[in-house]
PDB file of N, CA and C in Angstrom:
ATOM      1  N   MET A   1     -42.492  -3.760  75.993  1.00  0.00           N
ATOM      2  CA  MET A   1     -42.635  -2.378  76.427  1.00  0.00           C
ATOM      3  C   MET A   1     -43.663  -1.681  75.532  1.00  0.00           C
ATOM      4  N   ARG A   2     -44.497  -0.889  76.126  1.00  0.00           N
ATOM      5  CA  ARG A   2     -45.497  -0.149  75.376  1.00  0.00           C
ATOM      6  C   ARG A   2     -45.001   1.277  75.132  1.00  0.00           C
ATOM      7  N   TYR A   3     -45.061   1.713  73.897  1.00  0.00           N
ATOM      8  CA  TYR A   3     -44.588   3.036  73.529  1.00  0.00           C
ATOM      9  C   TYR A   3     -45.761   3.969  73.267  1.00  0.00           C
ATOM     10  N   ARG A   4     -45.599   5.224  73.594  1.00  0.00           N
ATOM     11  CA  ARG A   4     -46.551   6.259  73.214  1.00  0.00           C
ATOM     12  C   ARG A   4     -45.939   6.898  71.969  1.00  0.00           C
ATOM     13  N   LEU A   5     -46.211   6.297  70.862  1.00  0.00           N
ATOM     14  CA  LEU A   5     -45.577   6.642  69.600  1.00  0.00           C
ATOM     15  C   LEU A   5     -46.615   7.191  68.639  1.00  0.00           C
ATOM     16  N   SER A   6     -46.259   8.290  67.992  1.00  0.00           N
ATOM     17  CA  SER A   6     -47.149   8.897  67.004  1.00  0.00           C
ATOM     18  C   SER A   6     -46.349   9.296  65.777  1.00  0.00           C
ATOM     19  N   ILE A   7     -47.074   9.553  64.718  1.00  0.00           N
ATOM     20  CA  ILE A   7     -46.479  10.092  63.494  1.00  0.00           C
ATOM     21  C   ILE A   7     -47.064  11.474  63.305  1.00  0.00           C
ATOM     22  N   ILE A   8     -46.199  12.444  63.057  1.00  0.00           N
ATOM     23  CA  ILE A   8     -46.669  13.800  62.805  1.00  0.00           C
ATOM     24  C   ILE A   8     -46.259  14.231  61.410  1.00  0.00           C
ATOM     25  N   GLN A   9     -46.944  15.248  60.924  1.00  0.00           N
ATOM     26  CA  GLN A   9     -46.564  15.865  59.661  1.00  0.00           C
ATOM     27  C   GLN A   9     -45.857  17.171  59.993  1.00  0.00           C
ATOM     28  N   TYR A  10     -44.628  17.300  59.518  1.00  0.00           N
ATOM     29  CA  TYR A  10     -43.833  18.496  59.743  1.00  0.00           C
ATOM     30  C   TYR A  10     -44.321  19.625  58.832  1.00  0.00           C
ATOM     31  N   PRO A  11     -43.961  20.861  59.136  1.00  0.00           N
ATOM     32  CA  PRO A  11     -44.349  21.975  58.259  1.00  0.00           C
ATOM     33  C   PRO A  11     -43.892  21.791  56.805  1.00  0.00           C
ATOM     34  N   SER A  12     -42.831  21.010  56.599  1.00  0.00           N
ATOM     35  CA  SER A  12     -42.334  20.747  55.250  1.00  0.00           C
ATOM     36  C   SER A  12     -43.275  19.838  54.460  1.00  0.00           C
ATOM     37  N   GLY A  13     -44.230  19.199  55.180  1.00  0.00           N
ATOM     38  CA  GLY A  13     -45.135  18.255  54.538  1.00  0.00           C
ATOM     39  C   GLY A  13     -44.694  16.815  54.688  1.00  0.00           C
ATOM     40  N   ARG A  14     -43.488  16.593  55.187  1.00  0.00           N
ATOM     41  CA  ARG A  14     -42.986  15.237  55.384  1.00  0.00           C
ATOM     42  C   ARG A  14     -43.422  14.719  56.755  1.00  0.00           C
ATOM     43  N   PHE A  15     -43.219  13.433  57.014  1.00  0.00           N
ATOM     44  CA  PHE A  15     -43.709  12.774  58.221  1.00  0.00           C
ATOM     45  C   PHE A  15     -42.560  12.170  59.021  1.00  0.00           C
ATOM     46  N   GLY A  16     -42.742  12.107  60.349  1.00  0.00           N
ATOM     47  CA  GLY A  16     -41.742  11.505  61.211  1.00  0.00           C
ATOM     48  C   GLY A  16     -42.361  11.036  62.519  1.00  0.00           C
ATOM     49  N   PHE A  17     -41.567  10.299  63.278  1.00  0.00           N
ATOM     50  CA  PHE A  17     -42.017   9.730  64.539  1.00  0.00           C
ATOM     51  C   PHE A  17     -41.765  10.701  65.685  1.00  0.00           C
ATOM     52  N   VAL A  18     -42.694  10.726  66.648  1.00  0.00           N
ATOM     53  CA  VAL A  18     -42.548  11.519  67.867  1.00  0.00           C
ATOM     54  C   VAL A  18     -43.075  10.716  69.045  1.00  0.00           C
ATOM     55  N   GLY A  19     -42.711  11.135  70.248  1.00  0.00           N
ATOM     56  CA  GLY A  19     -43.165  10.463  71.454  1.00  0.00           C
ATOM     57  C   GLY A  19     -42.081   9.557  71.977  1.00  0.00           C
ATOM     58  N   SER A  20     -42.464   8.416  72.499  1.00  0.00           N
ATOM     59  CA  SER A  20     -41.519   7.411  72.980  1.00  0.00           C
ATOM     60  C   SER A  20     -41.101   6.563  71.787  1.00  0.00           C
ATOM     61  N   VAL A  21     -40.150   7.061  71.049  1.00  0.00           N
ATOM     62  CA  VAL A  21     -39.734   6.411  69.810  1.00  0.00           C
ATOM     63  C   VAL A  21     -38.713   5.316  70.123  1.00  0.00           C
ATOM     64  N   PRO A  22     -39.004   4.067  69.761  1.00  0.00           N
ATOM     65  CA  PRO A  22     -38.035   2.983  69.981  1.00  0.00           C
ATOM     66  C   PRO A  22     -36.755   3.228  69.194  1.00  0.00           C
ATOM     67  N   LYS A  23     -35.657   2.737  69.702  1.00  0.00           N
ATOM     68  CA  LYS A  23     -34.360   3.021  69.077  1.00  0.00           C
ATOM     69  C   LYS A  23     -34.309   2.596  67.612  1.00  0.00           C
ATOM     70  N   ASP A  24     -34.997   1.519  67.256  1.00  0.00           N
ATOM     71  CA  ASP A  24     -34.949   1.049  65.871  1.00  0.00           C
ATOM     72  C   ASP A  24     -35.665   1.992  64.901  1.00  0.00           C
ATOM     73  N   LEU A  25     -36.498   2.881  65.421  1.00  0.00           N
ATOM     74  CA  LEU A  25     -37.188   3.861  64.579  1.00  0.00           C
ATOM     75  C   LEU A  25     -36.591   5.256  64.719  1.00  0.00           C
ATOM     76  N   ALA A  26     -35.865   5.499  65.797  1.00  0.00           N
ATOM     77  CA  ALA A  26     -35.400   6.849  66.111  1.00  0.00           C
ATOM     78  C   ALA A  26     -34.263   7.322  65.218  1.00  0.00           C
ATOM     79  N   VAL A  27     -33.295   6.468  65.013  1.00  0.00           N
ATOM     80  CA  VAL A  27     -32.103   6.857  64.266  1.00  0.00           C
ATOM     81  C   VAL A  27     -31.505   5.606  63.635  1.00  0.00           C
ATOM     82  N   ARG A  28     -30.913   5.779  62.473  1.00  0.00           N
ATOM     83  CA  ARG A  28     -30.314   4.655  61.732  1.00  0.00           C
ATOM     84  C   ARG A  28     -28.986   5.094  61.129  1.00  0.00           C
ATOM     85  N   HIS A  29     -28.201   4.099  60.727  1.00  0.00           N
ATOM     86  CA  HIS A  29     -27.024   4.395  59.913  1.00  0.00           C
ATOM     87  C   HIS A  29     -27.517   4.914  58.562  1.00  0.00           C
ATOM     88  N   HIS A  30     -26.673   5.631  57.867  1.00  0.00           N
ATOM     89  CA  HIS A  30     -27.056   6.215  56.580  1.00  0.00           C
ATOM     90  C   HIS A  30     -27.525   5.144  55.591  1.00  0.00           C
ATOM     91  N   ASP A  31     -26.998   3.929  55.702  1.00  0.00           N
ATOM     92  CA  ASP A  31     -27.401   2.837  54.802  1.00  0.00           C
ATOM     93  C   ASP A  31     -28.594   2.043  55.362  1.00  0.00           C
ATOM     94  N   ASN A  32     -29.283   2.604  56.360  1.00  0.00           N
ATOM     95  CA  ASN A  32     -30.502   2.061  56.966  1.00  0.00           C
ATOM     96  C   ASN A  32     -30.260   0.912  57.945  1.00  0.00           C
ATOM     97  N   ARG A  33     -29.006   0.636  58.302  1.00  0.00           N
ATOM     98  CA  ARG A  33     -28.743  -0.381  59.318  1.00  0.00           C
ATOM     99  C   ARG A  33     -29.160   0.148  60.688  1.00  0.00           C
ATOM    100  N   ILE A  34     -29.632  -0.750  61.546  1.00  0.00           N
ATOM    101  CA  ILE A  34     -30.016  -0.397  62.908  1.00  0.00           C
ATOM    102  C   ILE A  34     -28.756  -0.187  63.742  1.00  0.00           C
ATOM    103  N   LEU A  35     -28.777   0.810  64.621  1.00  0.00           N
ATOM    104  CA  LEU A  35     -27.645   1.064  65.506  1.00  0.00           C
ATOM    105  C   LEU A  35     -27.536  -0.038  66.552  1.00  0.00           C
ATOM    106  N   THR A  36     -26.314  -0.331  66.958  1.00  0.00           N
ATOM    107  CA  THR A  36     -26.108  -1.262  68.066  1.00  0.00           C
ATOM    108  C   THR A  36     -26.540  -0.553  69.349  1.00  0.00           C
ATOM    109  N   ASP A  37     -26.678  -1.308  70.417  1.00  0.00           N
ATOM    110  CA  ASP A  37     -27.054  -0.710  71.698  1.00  0.00           C
ATOM    111  C   ASP A  37     -26.033   0.336  72.139  1.00  0.00           C
ATOM    112  N   SER A  38     -24.744   0.062  71.969  1.00  0.00           N
ATOM    113  CA  SER A  38     -23.712   1.019  72.397  1.00  0.00           C
ATOM    114  C   SER A  38     -23.717   2.269  71.516  1.00  0.00           C
ATOM    115  N   GLU A  39     -23.945   2.114  70.218  1.00  0.00           N
ATOM    116  CA  GLU A  39     -24.035   3.283  69.337  1.00  0.00           C
ATOM    117  C   GLU A  39     -25.231   4.151  69.710  1.00  0.00           C
ATOM    118  N   PHE A  40     -26.362   3.496  69.972  1.00  0.00           N
ATOM    119  CA  PHE A  40     -27.550   4.256  70.344  1.00  0.00           C
ATOM    120  C   PHE A  40     -27.366   4.938  71.695  1.00  0.00           C
ATOM    121  N   GLU A  41     -26.719   4.265  72.636  1.00  0.00           N
ATOM    122  CA  GLU A  41     -26.487   4.851  73.957  1.00  0.00           C
ATOM    123  C   GLU A  41     -25.622   6.107  73.845  1.00  0.00           C
ATOM    124  N   GLU A  42     -24.611   6.081  72.982  1.00  0.00           N
ATOM    125  CA  GLU A  42     -23.783   7.278  72.769  1.00  0.00           C
ATOM    126  C   GLU A  42     -24.640   8.423  72.227  1.00  0.00           C
ATOM    127  N   TYR A  43     -25.500   8.124  71.257  1.00  0.00           N
ATOM    128  CA  TYR A  43     -26.400   9.134  70.688  1.00  0.00           C
ATOM    129  C   TYR A  43     -27.386   9.638  71.736  1.00  0.00           C
ATOM    130  N   ARG A  44     -28.000   8.720  72.471  1.00  0.00           N
ATOM    131  CA  ARG A  44     -29.047   9.064  73.431  1.00  0.00           C
ATOM    132  C   ARG A  44     -28.538   9.922  74.579  1.00  0.00           C
ATOM    133  N   THR A  45     -27.331   9.669  75.036  1.00  0.00           N
ATOM    134  CA  THR A  45     -26.799  10.383  76.191  1.00  0.00           C
ATOM    135  C   THR A  45     -25.958  11.599  75.830  1.00  0.00           C
ATOM    136  N   ALA A  46     -25.795  11.864  74.566  1.00  0.00           N
ATOM    137  CA  ALA A  46     -24.964  13.000  74.135  1.00  0.00           C
ATOM    138  C   ALA A  46     -25.610  14.329  74.517  1.00  0.00           C
ATOM    139  N   SER A  47     -24.775  15.279  74.904  1.00  0.00           N
ATOM    140  CA  SER A  47     -25.292  16.618  75.194  1.00  0.00           C
ATOM    141  C   SER A  47     -25.689  17.334  73.906  1.00  0.00           C
ATOM    142  N   ASN A  48     -25.136  16.885  72.780  1.00  0.00           N
ATOM    143  CA  ASN A  48     -25.473  17.458  71.482  1.00  0.00           C
ATOM    144  C   ASN A  48     -25.680  16.300  70.489  1.00  0.00           C
ATOM    145  N   PRO A  49     -26.876  15.682  70.497  1.00  0.00           N
ATOM    146  CA  PRO A  49     -27.105  14.521  69.626  1.00  0.00           C
ATOM    147  C   PRO A  49     -26.899  14.809  68.137  1.00  0.00           C
ATOM    148  N   SER A  50     -27.168  16.039  67.703  1.00  0.00           N
ATOM    149  CA  SER A  50     -26.983  16.337  66.277  1.00  0.00           C
ATOM    150  C   SER A  50     -25.512  16.244  65.874  1.00  0.00           C
ATOM    151  N   LEU A  51     -24.610  16.515  66.800  1.00  0.00           N
ATOM    152  CA  LEU A  51     -23.182  16.350  66.524  1.00  0.00           C
ATOM    153  C   LEU A  51     -22.850  14.874  66.309  1.00  0.00           C
ATOM    154  N   ILE A  52     -23.443  13.996  67.123  1.00  0.00           N
ATOM    155  CA  ILE A  52     -23.241  12.552  66.961  1.00  0.00           C
ATOM    156  C   ILE A  52     -23.814  12.096  65.622  1.00  0.00           C
ATOM    157  N   LEU A  53     -24.987  12.623  65.248  1.00  0.00           N
ATOM    158  CA  LEU A  53     -25.579  12.279  63.947  1.00  0.00           C
ATOM    159  C   LEU A  53     -24.606  12.587  62.812  1.00  0.00           C
ATOM    160  N   ARG A  54     -24.069  13.784  62.824  1.00  0.00           N
ATOM    161  CA  ARG A  54     -23.153  14.196  61.745  1.00  0.00           C
ATOM    162  C   ARG A  54     -21.843  13.419  61.784  1.00  0.00           C
ATOM    163  N   ARG A  55     -21.294  13.241  62.971  1.00  0.00           N
ATOM    164  CA  ARG A  55     -19.990  12.589  63.090  1.00  0.00           C
ATOM    165  C   ARG A  55     -20.032  11.145  62.598  1.00  0.00           C
ATOM    166  N   HIS A  56     -21.134  10.437  62.894  1.00  0.00           N
ATOM    167  CA  HIS A  56     -21.237   9.027  62.516  1.00  0.00           C
ATOM    168  C   HIS A  56     -22.080   8.805  61.256  1.00  0.00           C
ATOM    169  N   ASN A  57     -22.529   9.889  60.648  1.00  0.00           N
ATOM    170  CA  ASN A  57     -23.337   9.808  59.431  1.00  0.00           C
ATOM    171  C   ASN A  57     -24.639   9.032  59.666  1.00  0.00           C
ATOM    172  N   TYR A  58     -25.271   9.277  60.826  1.00  0.00           N
ATOM    173  CA  TYR A  58     -26.563   8.692  61.144  1.00  0.00           C
ATOM    174  C   TYR A  58     -27.664   9.557  60.540  1.00  0.00           C
ATOM    175  N   ILE A  59     -28.838   8.981  60.395  1.00  0.00           N
ATOM    176  CA  ILE A  59     -29.994   9.735  59.915  1.00  0.00           C
ATOM    177  C   ILE A  59     -31.197   9.484  60.824  1.00  0.00           C
ATOM    178  N   VAL A  60     -32.078  10.448  60.876  1.00  0.00           N
ATOM    179  CA  VAL A  60     -33.366  10.306  61.542  1.00  0.00           C
ATOM    180  C   VAL A  60     -34.369  10.028  60.429  1.00  0.00           C
ATOM    181  N   PRO A  61     -35.057   8.891  60.465  1.00  0.00           N
ATOM    182  CA  PRO A  61     -35.979   8.553  59.377  1.00  0.00           C
ATOM    183  C   PRO A  61     -37.101   9.583  59.223  1.00  0.00           C
ATOM    184  N   ILE A  62     -37.253  10.072  58.004  1.00  0.00           N
ATOM    185  CA  ILE A  62     -38.316  11.008  57.642  1.00  0.00           C
ATOM    186  C   ILE A  62     -38.918  10.505  56.334  1.00  0.00           C
ATOM    187  N   PHE A  63     -40.223  10.667  56.184  1.00  0.00           N
ATOM    188  CA  PHE A  63     -40.943  10.033  55.079  1.00  0.00           C
ATOM    189  C   PHE A  63     -41.769  11.050  54.302  1.00  0.00           C
ATOM    190  N   ASN A  64     -41.920  10.795  53.012  1.00  0.00           N
ATOM    191  CA  ASN A  64     -42.741  11.659  52.165  1.00  0.00           C
ATOM    192  C   ASN A  64     -44.228  11.398  52.351  1.00  0.00           C
ATOM    193  N   GLU A  65     -44.583  10.180  52.706  1.00  0.00           N
ATOM    194  CA  GLU A  65     -45.985   9.784  52.862  1.00  0.00           C
ATOM    195  C   GLU A  65     -46.197   9.137  54.228  1.00  0.00           C
ATOM    196  N   TYR A  66     -47.363   9.332  54.802  1.00  0.00           N
ATOM    197  CA  TYR A  66     -47.734   8.736  56.079  1.00  0.00           C
ATOM    198  C   TYR A  66     -47.623   7.213  56.004  1.00  0.00           C
ATOM    199  N   ALA A  67     -48.096   6.639  54.910  1.00  0.00           N
ATOM    200  CA  ALA A  67     -48.066   5.182  54.741  1.00  0.00           C
ATOM    201  C   ALA A  67     -46.632   4.637  54.763  1.00  0.00           C
ATOM    202  N   GLU A  68     -45.666   5.412  54.293  1.00  0.00           N
ATOM    203  CA  GLU A  68     -44.268   4.973  54.325  1.00  0.00           C
ATOM    204  C   GLU A  68     -43.781   4.835  55.766  1.00  0.00           C
ATOM    205  N   ALA A  69     -44.193   5.741  56.630  1.00  0.00           N
ATOM    206  CA  ALA A  69     -43.808   5.674  58.043  1.00  0.00           C
ATOM    207  C   ALA A  69     -44.433   4.448  58.707  1.00  0.00           C
ATOM    208  N   ILE A  70     -45.688   4.177  58.406  1.00  0.00           N
ATOM    209  CA  ILE A  70     -46.372   2.993  58.946  1.00  0.00           C
ATOM    210  C   ILE A  70     -45.639   1.724  58.513  1.00  0.00           C
ATOM    211  N   GLU A  71     -45.276   1.637  57.251  1.00  0.00           N
ATOM    212  CA  GLU A  71     -44.591   0.454  56.726  1.00  0.00           C
ATOM    213  C   GLU A  71     -43.197   0.307  57.338  1.00  0.00           C
ATOM    214  N   PHE A  72     -42.480   1.410  57.504  1.00  0.00           N
ATOM    215  CA  PHE A  72     -41.154   1.387  58.123  1.00  0.00           C
ATOM    216  C   PHE A  72     -41.248   0.823  59.534  1.00  0.00           C
ATOM    217  N   ALA A  73     -42.243   1.279  60.294  1.00  0.00           N
ATOM    218  CA  ALA A  73     -42.448   0.784  61.656  1.00  0.00           C
ATOM    219  C   ALA A  73     -42.816  -0.698  61.632  1.00  0.00           C
ATOM    220  N   ARG A  74     -43.682  -1.081  60.713  1.00  0.00           N
ATOM    221  CA  ARG A  74     -44.101  -2.476  60.604  1.00  0.00           C
ATOM    222  C   ARG A  74     -42.895  -3.376  60.317  1.00  0.00           C
ATOM    223  N   GLU A  75     -42.008  -2.940  59.446  1.00  0.00           N
ATOM    224  CA  GLU A  75     -40.809  -3.718  59.132  1.00  0.00           C
ATOM    225  C   GLU A  75     -39.891  -3.864  60.338  1.00  0.00           C
ATOM    226  N   ALA A  76     -39.963  -2.910  61.271  1.00  0.00           N
ATOM    227  CA  ALA A  76     -39.166  -2.978  62.497  1.00  0.00           C
ATOM    228  C   ALA A  76     -39.899  -3.743  63.597  1.00  0.00           C
ATOM    229  N   GLY A  77     -41.096  -4.265  63.275  1.00  0.00           N
ATOM    230  CA  GLY A  77     -41.847  -5.061  64.232  1.00  0.00           C
ATOM    231  C   GLY A  77     -42.761  -4.254  65.135  1.00  0.00           C
ATOM    232  N   ILE A  78     -43.072  -3.026  64.742  1.00  0.00           N
ATOM    233  CA  ILE A  78     -43.925  -2.151  65.554  1.00  0.00           C
ATOM    234  C   ILE A  78     -45.170  -1.808  64.759  1.00  0.00           C
ATOM    235  N   THR A  79     -46.330  -2.068  65.346  1.00  0.00           N
ATOM    236  CA  THR A  79     -47.595  -1.806  64.684  1.00  0.00           C
ATOM    237  C   THR A  79     -48.176  -0.502  65.207  1.00  0.00           C
ATOM    238  N   LEU A  80     -48.523   0.377  64.288  1.00  0.00           N
ATOM    239  CA  LEU A  80     -49.166   1.645  64.615  1.00  0.00           C
ATOM    240  C   LEU A  80     -50.548   1.659  64.013  1.00  0.00           C
ATOM    241  N   GLY A  81     -51.443   2.420  64.615  1.00  0.00           N
ATOM    242  CA  GLY A  81     -52.775   2.563  64.063  1.00  0.00           C
ATOM    243  C   GLY A  81     -52.762   3.375  62.791  1.00  0.00           C
ATOM    244  N   GLU A  82     -53.768   3.185  62.009  1.00  0.00           N
ATOM    245  CA  GLU A  82     -53.898   3.956  60.773  1.00  0.00           C
ATOM    246  C   GLU A  82     -54.293   5.398  61.090  1.00  0.00           C
ATOM    247  N   ARG A  83     -54.055   6.262  60.169  1.00  0.00           N
ATOM    248  CA  ARG A  83     -54.342   7.683  60.308  1.00  0.00           C
ATOM    249  C   ARG A  83     -55.828   7.927  60.426  1.00  0.00           C
ATOM    250  N   LYS A  84     -56.176   8.831  61.314  1.00  0.00           N
ATOM    251  CA  LYS A  84     -57.594   9.181  61.512  1.00  0.00           C
ATOM    252  C   LYS A  84     -57.944  10.434  60.767  1.00  0.00           C
TER     253      LYS A  84
END
Protein backbone atom coordinates (compact mmCIF):
# COMPACT_ATOMS: atom_id res chain seq x y z
CA MET A 1 0.00 0.00 0.00
CA ARG A 2 1.26 3.46 -0.82
CA TYR A 3 0.86 6.11 1.86
CA ARG A 4 0.70 9.88 1.50
CA LEU A 5 2.80 10.38 4.58
CA SER A 6 4.59 13.53 5.67
CA ILE A 7 6.42 14.86 8.69
CA ILE A 8 5.46 18.27 9.99
CA GLN A 9 6.92 20.56 12.60
CA TYR A 10 4.40 21.53 15.26
CA PRO A 11 4.30 25.04 16.76
CA SER A 12 6.11 23.55 19.78
CA GLY A 13 9.09 22.85 17.50
CA ARG A 14 8.67 19.08 17.72
CA PHE A 15 7.92 16.80 14.74
CA GLY A 16 5.22 14.24 13.96
CA PHE A 17 3.58 12.26 11.19
CA VAL A 18 0.56 13.47 9.21
CA GLY A 19 -1.42 12.21 6.23
CA SER A 20 -2.09 8.53 5.64
CA VAL A 21 -0.14 7.38 8.66
CA PRO A 22 0.35 3.59 8.86
CA LYS A 23 -0.79 2.04 12.12
CA ASP A 24 2.77 1.18 13.16
CA LEU A 25 3.67 4.90 13.10
CA ALA A 26 0.35 6.36 14.26
CA VAL A 27 0.13 5.13 17.82
CA ARG A 28 2.10 2.83 20.12
CA HIS A 29 1.97 1.37 23.59
CA HIS A 30 3.75 3.55 26.15
CA ASP A 31 6.70 1.11 26.09
CA ASN A 32 6.92 1.52 22.26
CA ARG A 33 5.30 -1.83 21.41
CA ILE A 34 3.21 -1.88 18.22
CA LEU A 35 -0.55 -2.19 18.73
CA THR A 36 -2.27 -5.38 17.61
CA ASP A 37 -4.79 -5.09 14.80
CA SER A 38 -7.70 -5.31 17.27
CA GLU A 39 -6.18 -2.66 19.57
CA PHE A 40 -5.63 -0.33 16.64
CA GLU A 41 -9.15 -0.96 15.31
CA GLU A 42 -10.61 0.07 18.69
CA TYR A 43 -8.53 3.27 18.59
CA ARG A 44 -9.28 3.98 14.92
CA THR A 45 -13.04 3.57 15.19
CA ALA A 46 -13.50 5.32 18.53
CA SER A 47 -15.68 8.42 18.62
CA ASN A 48 -13.12 9.88 21.04
CA PRO A 49 -9.66 8.44 20.21
CA SER A 50 -7.95 10.54 22.89
CA LEU A 51 -10.02 8.71 25.51
CA ILE A 52 -8.71 5.39 24.16
CA LEU A 53 -5.15 6.79 24.27
CA ARG A 54 -5.49 7.68 27.94
CA ARG A 55 -7.38 4.56 28.97
CA HIS A 56 -4.82 2.18 27.45
CA ASN A 57 -1.77 4.39 28.06
CA TYR A 58 -1.01 4.65 24.33
CA ILE A 59 1.17 7.39 22.87
CA VAL A 60 1.35 9.19 19.55
CA PRO A 61 5.03 9.29 18.52
CA ILE A 62 6.45 12.82 18.57
CA PHE A 63 10.11 13.67 17.99
CA ASN A 64 12.52 16.44 18.94
CA GLU A 65 14.38 16.23 15.62
CA TYR A 66 13.25 15.59 12.05
CA ALA A 67 15.94 12.91 11.67
CA GLU A 68 14.47 11.01 14.65
CA ALA A 69 11.12 10.74 12.85
CA ILE A 70 12.84 9.48 9.68
CA GLU A 71 14.72 6.84 11.68
CA PHE A 72 11.57 5.77 13.57
CA ALA A 73 9.78 5.24 10.25
CA ARG A 74 12.78 3.39 8.81
CA GLU A 75 12.81 1.03 11.80
CA ALA A 76 9.13 0.29 11.09
CA GLY A 77 10.01 -0.54 7.48
CA ILE A 78 8.80 2.72 5.93
CA THR A 79 11.12 4.91 3.89
CA LEU A 80 10.48 8.64 3.72
CA GLY A 81 12.29 11.24 1.68
CA GLU A 82 14.75 13.55 3.30
CA ARG A 83 13.74 17.06 4.28
CA LYS A 84 13.79 19.68 1.56
